[in-house]
Amino acid sequence: MTGPFLDAGGLPIRSVTGLNRLPEPDRLAAYRTLLPDEVFARFGVDPAQAVDDASRSPFTVRAAQETGSVEVQFRHRVDARDPVVFLHLADTPNNQIIVLLFVVNDPESPRFDVDRNWSGEPTKFGTLSRNIDAEIAAMQAGLTPGQVRRGLRLSRKLLEYFETFVSRLGRDMFLLEPLAYHTAILFERYGCAYSQGLNKMNWIHRAFGAGGELVARLNGSTPFRMPGAEKTVRGRSWAIQDGILGEPFVDVHMYKRVGRHASVNTFPEAVW
């Protein structure tokens, strides 16, 4: 089904708030459309019912009525520590829809505890504190900042499903919040553009170039600032996570128009 989402009176729904007002079965069915059947089937979950073989639901939706926010999670097992897919969406004050957080994990891959510090407290993607040993191990395993496990190479397909979801809400665009440099580059590849931060991203690229301010700081002073890190998206992102900018990676905002590719590229010929 690709028609508009409808309320009890048959009128089109145009917001997360509107979807959250639906009765629970209808609300779950609406948010279920964010995930392709293959995500469920890959882990032995019935796509039609979104339950495992013990009739337990590893697909959960946290969306209180009369709020404009929703968290959608799918775990390959009900008791799994990490979700396979986590998606946090919300309405904005100016009546747009924004993706606040988007995570995809391979639950069968090794886990790196970058999300907890030495005392077990959340690091909040390294903004509150850091687990340096776990970050080094994750970096050496080929992960990017914030990843606790490798991904499943599903992000592009999930974004396509989200475009359909947004269009069913009568929208032709949505907003995204890239929390790290590599996420912004990934969103560029998927056709997103910048509403804020394009000049910053271009400056980062120049500064990591020959003779640039940031490449000069890749002096081996930490494991995240080794010479040569400027050559890859992952290397740059780890250096930025390590504070090489002198400030957090903030004030970068993006958007995606449904069915359009913006062709923005702030790191030409980038190697991941």
Protein backbone atom coordinates (compact mmCIF):
# COMPACT_ATOMS: atom_id res chain seq x y z
CA MET A 1 0.00 0.00 0.00
CA THR A 2 1.34 3.42 -0.96
CA GLY A 3 -1.69 5.66 -0.48
CA PRO A 4 -1.96 8.28 2.25
CA PHE A 5 -2.25 7.36 5.91
CA LEU A 6 -5.84 8.06 7.03
CA ASP A 7 -7.37 8.90 10.39
CA ALA A 8 -10.61 7.44 11.78
CA GLY A 9 -12.62 9.92 9.76
CA GLY A 10 -10.90 9.03 6.50
CA LEU A 11 -8.88 12.25 6.38
CA PRO A 12 -5.18 12.22 5.40
CA ILE A 13 -2.63 12.26 8.23
CA ARG A 14 0.28 14.64 7.68
CA SER A 15 2.40 14.33 10.81
CA VAL A 16 3.97 12.01 13.38
CA THR A 17 1.53 13.52 15.88
CA GLY A 18 -1.36 12.42 13.69
CA LEU A 19 -0.03 8.88 13.42
CA ASN A 20 0.46 8.72 17.18
CA ARG A 21 -3.24 9.50 17.69
CA LEU A 22 -4.25 6.31 15.87
CA PRO A 23 -5.38 3.24 17.81
CA GLU A 24 -2.39 1.09 18.70
CA PRO A 25 -2.87 -1.60 16.00
CA ASP A 26 -3.14 1.05 13.29
CA ARG A 27 -0.19 2.99 14.71
CA LEU A 28 1.99 -0.12 14.75
CA ALA A 29 0.94 -0.98 11.20
CA ALA A 30 1.84 2.50 9.97
CA TYR A 31 5.31 2.48 11.51
CA ARG A 32 5.85 -1.11 10.42
CA THR A 33 5.97 0.18 6.82
CA LEU A 34 9.31 1.82 7.60
CA LEU A 35 11.06 -1.55 7.41
CA PRO A 36 11.30 -3.91 4.41
CA ASP A 37 10.15 -7.49 4.86
CA GLU A 38 13.67 -8.78 4.29
CA VAL A 39 14.85 -7.24 7.57
CA PHE A 40 12.36 -9.38 9.47
CA ALA A 41 12.82 -12.49 7.35
CA ARG A 42 16.59 -12.39 7.70
CA PHE A 43 16.21 -13.12 11.41
CA GLY A 44 13.31 -15.56 11.23
CA VAL A 45 10.58 -13.09 12.14
CA ASP A 46 7.22 -13.28 10.38
CA PRO A 47 7.02 -10.02 8.39
CA ALA A 48 3.23 -10.07 8.36
CA GLN A 49 2.86 -10.29 12.13
CA ALA A 50 6.25 -8.85 13.17
CA VAL A 51 6.64 -11.62 15.76
CA ASP A 52 9.25 -14.33 16.20
CA ASP A 53 8.54 -18.09 16.26
CA ALA A 54 7.51 -17.85 19.93
CA SER A 55 4.88 -15.18 19.12
CA ARG A 56 6.90 -12.47 20.86
CA SER A 57 7.29 -9.11 19.19
CA PRO A 58 10.84 -7.83 18.64
CA PHE A 59 9.32 -4.85 16.79
CA THR A 60 8.45 -2.03 19.19
CA VAL A 61 7.12 1.48 18.82
CA ARG A 62 7.43 4.09 21.55
CA ALA A 63 4.98 6.84 20.66
CA ALA A 64 2.76 8.38 23.30
CA GLN A 65 -0.47 9.89 22.02
CA GLU A 66 -0.54 13.66 21.59
CA THR A 67 3.24 13.77 21.09
CA GLY A 68 5.12 14.43 17.88
CA SER A 69 7.93 11.95 18.49
CA VAL A 70 8.36 8.23 17.88
CA GLU A 71 11.10 5.64 18.41
CA VAL A 72 10.90 2.55 16.22
CA GLN A 73 13.05 -0.48 17.04
CA PHE A 74 13.48 -3.94 15.62
CA ARG A 75 15.55 -6.54 17.47
CA HIS A 76 16.40 -9.93 16.00
CA ARG A 77 15.49 -11.37 19.42
CA VAL A 78 13.23 -9.86 22.04
CA ASP A 79 16.03 -10.02 24.62
CA ALA A 80 18.80 -8.75 22.32
CA ARG A 81 21.00 -6.03 23.76
CA ASP A 82 21.12 -3.91 20.60
CA PRO A 83 18.46 -3.28 17.98
CA VAL A 84 19.02 -4.24 14.37
CA VAL A 85 17.30 -0.99 13.40
CA PHE A 86 16.60 2.03 15.58
CA LEU A 87 14.84 5.08 14.16
CA HIS A 88 13.84 8.23 16.04
CA LEU A 89 11.52 10.59 14.16
CA ALA A 90 9.76 13.76 15.19
CA ASP A 91 7.67 16.67 14.00
CA THR A 92 9.48 20.01 14.03
CA PRO A 93 8.00 23.32 15.21
CA ASN A 94 7.77 24.49 11.59
CA ASN A 95 5.74 21.44 10.54
CA GLN A 96 8.49 19.33 9.00
CA ILE A 97 9.50 15.73 9.76
CA ILE A 98 13.02 15.10 11.01
CA VAL A 99 15.14 11.99 11.46
CA LEU A 100 16.91 12.56 14.78
CA LEU A 101 18.71 9.22 15.00
CA PHE A 102 19.16 6.33 12.59
CA VAL A 103 21.12 3.22 13.58
CA VAL A 104 21.60 -0.14 11.85
CA ASN A 105 23.50 -2.98 13.57
CA ASP A 106 24.60 -6.45 12.58
CA PRO A 107 23.69 -8.26 15.80
CA GLU A 108 25.93 -11.21 14.92
CA SER A 109 29.09 -9.08 14.69
CA PRO A 110 31.51 -8.30 17.56
CA ARG A 111 30.40 -5.56 19.95
CA PHE A 112 32.54 -2.62 21.03
CA ASP A 113 31.38 -0.78 24.14
CA VAL A 114 31.97 2.74 22.86
CA ASP A 115 28.54 3.69 24.25
CA ARG A 116 29.65 3.18 27.87
CA ASN A 117 32.62 4.63 29.73
CA TRP A 118 34.84 2.82 32.24
CA SER A 119 32.21 3.23 34.97
CA GLY A 120 29.35 2.01 32.81
CA GLU A 121 27.77 5.41 32.27
CA PRO A 122 26.43 6.33 28.80
CA THR A 123 28.87 8.28 26.62
CA LYS A 124 26.08 9.78 24.46
CA PHE A 125 28.11 9.23 21.27
CA GLY A 126 31.21 10.59 22.97
CA THR A 127 29.64 13.92 23.88
CA LEU A 128 29.55 13.28 27.64
CA SER A 129 32.57 11.02 28.01
CA ARG A 130 34.57 8.48 26.03
CA ASN A 131 35.72 4.88 26.29
CA ILE A 132 39.09 5.27 24.59
CA ASP A 133 40.11 1.61 24.69
CA ALA A 134 36.81 0.56 23.11
CA GLU A 135 37.09 3.32 20.50
CA ILE A 136 40.60 2.21 19.51
CA ALA A 137 39.41 -1.38 19.14
CA ALA A 138 36.38 -0.28 17.11
CA MET A 139 38.52 1.91 14.85
CA GLN A 140 40.98 -0.92 14.26
CA ALA A 141 38.05 -3.19 13.36
CA GLY A 142 36.92 -0.75 10.68
CA LEU A 143 34.01 0.86 12.50
CA THR A 144 33.19 4.56 12.59
CA PRO A 145 32.64 6.76 15.67
CA GLY A 146 29.51 5.81 17.61
CA GLN A 147 29.21 2.33 16.10
CA VAL A 148 28.97 -0.49 18.62
CA ARG A 149 28.73 -3.10 15.85
CA ARG A 150 29.25 -3.11 12.12
CA GLY A 151 26.21 -2.33 9.99
CA LEU A 152 24.14 -4.46 7.63
CA ARG A 153 24.45 -2.35 4.46
CA LEU A 154 20.75 -1.58 4.66
CA SER A 155 20.84 2.19 5.10
CA ARG A 156 20.15 3.05 1.45
CA LYS A 157 17.14 0.74 1.25
CA LEU A 158 15.79 1.97 4.60
CA LEU A 159 16.05 5.54 3.36
CA GLU A 160 14.03 4.59 0.28
CA TYR A 161 11.33 3.14 2.54
CA PHE A 162 11.39 6.31 4.60
CA GLU A 163 10.85 8.39 1.46
CA THR A 164 7.71 6.36 0.75
CA PHE A 165 6.59 6.80 4.36
CA VAL A 166 7.07 10.57 4.14
CA SER A 167 5.25 10.81 0.81
CA ARG A 168 2.29 8.96 2.36
CA LEU A 169 2.17 11.81 4.89
CA GLY A 170 1.81 14.22 1.99
CA ARG A 171 5.37 15.53 2.23
CA ASP A 172 7.97 15.98 -0.49
CA MET A 173 10.98 16.38 1.82
CA PHE A 174 12.29 15.58 5.29
CA LEU A 175 15.13 16.72 7.52
CA LEU A 176 18.08 14.79 8.96
CA GLU A 177 20.54 15.43 11.78
CA PRO A 178 23.97 13.93 11.02
CA LEU A 179 25.66 13.40 14.39
CA ALA A 180 29.11 12.78 12.91
CA TYR A 181 31.20 13.71 9.88
CA HIS A 182 30.95 10.28 8.29
CA THR A 183 27.15 10.32 8.68
CA ALA A 184 26.96 13.58 6.74
CA ILE A 185 29.09 12.09 3.95
CA LEU A 186 26.88 9.00 3.90
CA PHE A 187 23.75 11.14 3.62
CA GLU A 188 25.39 13.05 0.75
CA ARG A 189 25.80 9.76 -1.12
CA TYR A 190 22.11 9.04 -0.59
CA GLY A 191 21.13 12.33 -2.23
CA CYS A 192 20.76 14.67 0.73
CA ALA A 193 21.66 18.37 0.76
CA TYR A 194 22.57 20.86 3.47
CA SER A 195 20.25 23.41 5.02
CA GLN A 196 23.15 24.43 7.26
CA GLY A 197 26.79 23.39 7.38
CA LEU A 198 27.81 23.11 3.72
CA ASN A 199 30.53 25.74 4.15
CA LYS A 200 31.79 23.91 7.22
CA MET A 201 31.96 20.59 5.37
CA ASN A 202 33.83 22.21 2.48
CA TRP A 203 36.26 23.83 4.93
CA ILE A 204 36.89 20.46 6.61
CA HIS A 205 37.77 18.98 3.23
CA ARG A 206 40.17 21.80 2.42
CA ALA A 207 41.71 21.67 5.89
CA PHE A 208 42.37 17.94 5.50
CA GLY A 209 44.02 18.60 2.13
CA ALA A 210 47.68 19.16 1.36
CA GLY A 211 49.04 21.90 3.61
CA GLY A 212 45.74 22.27 5.41
CA GLU A 213 45.19 23.21 9.04
CA LEU A 214 43.73 19.86 10.05
CA VAL A 215 46.17 17.63 8.20
CA ALA A 216 48.97 19.38 10.12
CA ARG A 217 47.33 18.21 13.35
CA LEU A 218 47.53 14.56 12.29
CA ASN A 219 50.80 14.26 14.16
CA GLY A 220 50.41 10.90 15.89
CA SER A 221 49.68 12.52 19.25
CA THR A 222 46.76 10.10 19.74
CA PRO A 223 45.77 6.86 17.97
CA PHE A 224 43.03 8.86 16.23
CA ARG A 225 45.39 11.45 14.75
CA MET A 226 47.81 9.35 12.78
CA PRO A 227 49.27 10.70 9.52
CA GLY A 228 47.22 9.46 6.59
CA ALA A 229 43.89 9.58 8.42
CA GLU A 230 42.88 12.46 6.14
CA LYS A 231 42.68 10.07 3.17
CA THR A 232 39.52 8.29 4.30
CA VAL A 233 36.07 9.26 5.52
CA ARG A 234 36.50 6.98 8.52
CA GLY A 235 39.93 8.39 9.40
CA ARG A 236 38.69 11.97 9.24
CA SER A 237 35.65 11.14 11.36
CA TRP A 238 37.72 9.51 14.10
CA ALA A 239 40.04 12.53 14.18
CA ILE A 240 37.03 14.83 14.47
CA GLN A 241 35.61 12.62 17.23
CA ASP A 242 38.98 13.06 18.95
CA GLY A 243 38.53 16.84 18.92
CA ILE A 244 40.80 17.82 16.04
CA LEU A 245 38.39 20.60 15.04
CA GLY A 246 38.76 22.24 18.43
CA GLU A 247 34.98 22.07 18.81
CA PRO A 248 32.23 19.42 18.58
CA PHE A 249 30.81 18.44 15.21
CA VAL A 250 27.63 20.51 15.44
CA ASP A 251 25.54 22.95 13.40
CA VAL A 252 25.29 20.62 10.40
CA HIS A 253 21.72 20.07 9.23
CA MET A 254 20.52 18.25 6.11
CA TYR A 255 17.39 17.53 4.12
CA LYS A 256 16.26 15.10 1.44
CA ARG A 257 13.71 15.78 -1.27
CA VAL A 258 11.63 12.74 -2.12
CA GLY A 259 12.72 11.19 -5.40
CA ARG A 260 15.56 13.64 -5.97
CA HIS A 261 19.32 13.33 -5.61
CA ALA A 262 20.99 16.61 -4.64
CA SER A 263 24.42 15.59 -6.03
CA VAL A 264 26.30 17.26 -3.18
CA ASN A 265 29.83 15.96 -2.68
CA THR A 266 32.12 17.62 -0.13
CA PHE A 267 34.75 14.84 -0.26
CA PRO A 268 35.32 14.05 -3.95
CA GLU A 269 36.64 10.58 -4.73
CA ALA A 270 36.40 9.69 -1.06
CA VAL A 271 37.53 6.31 0.19
CA TRP A 272 35.45 5.08 3.10
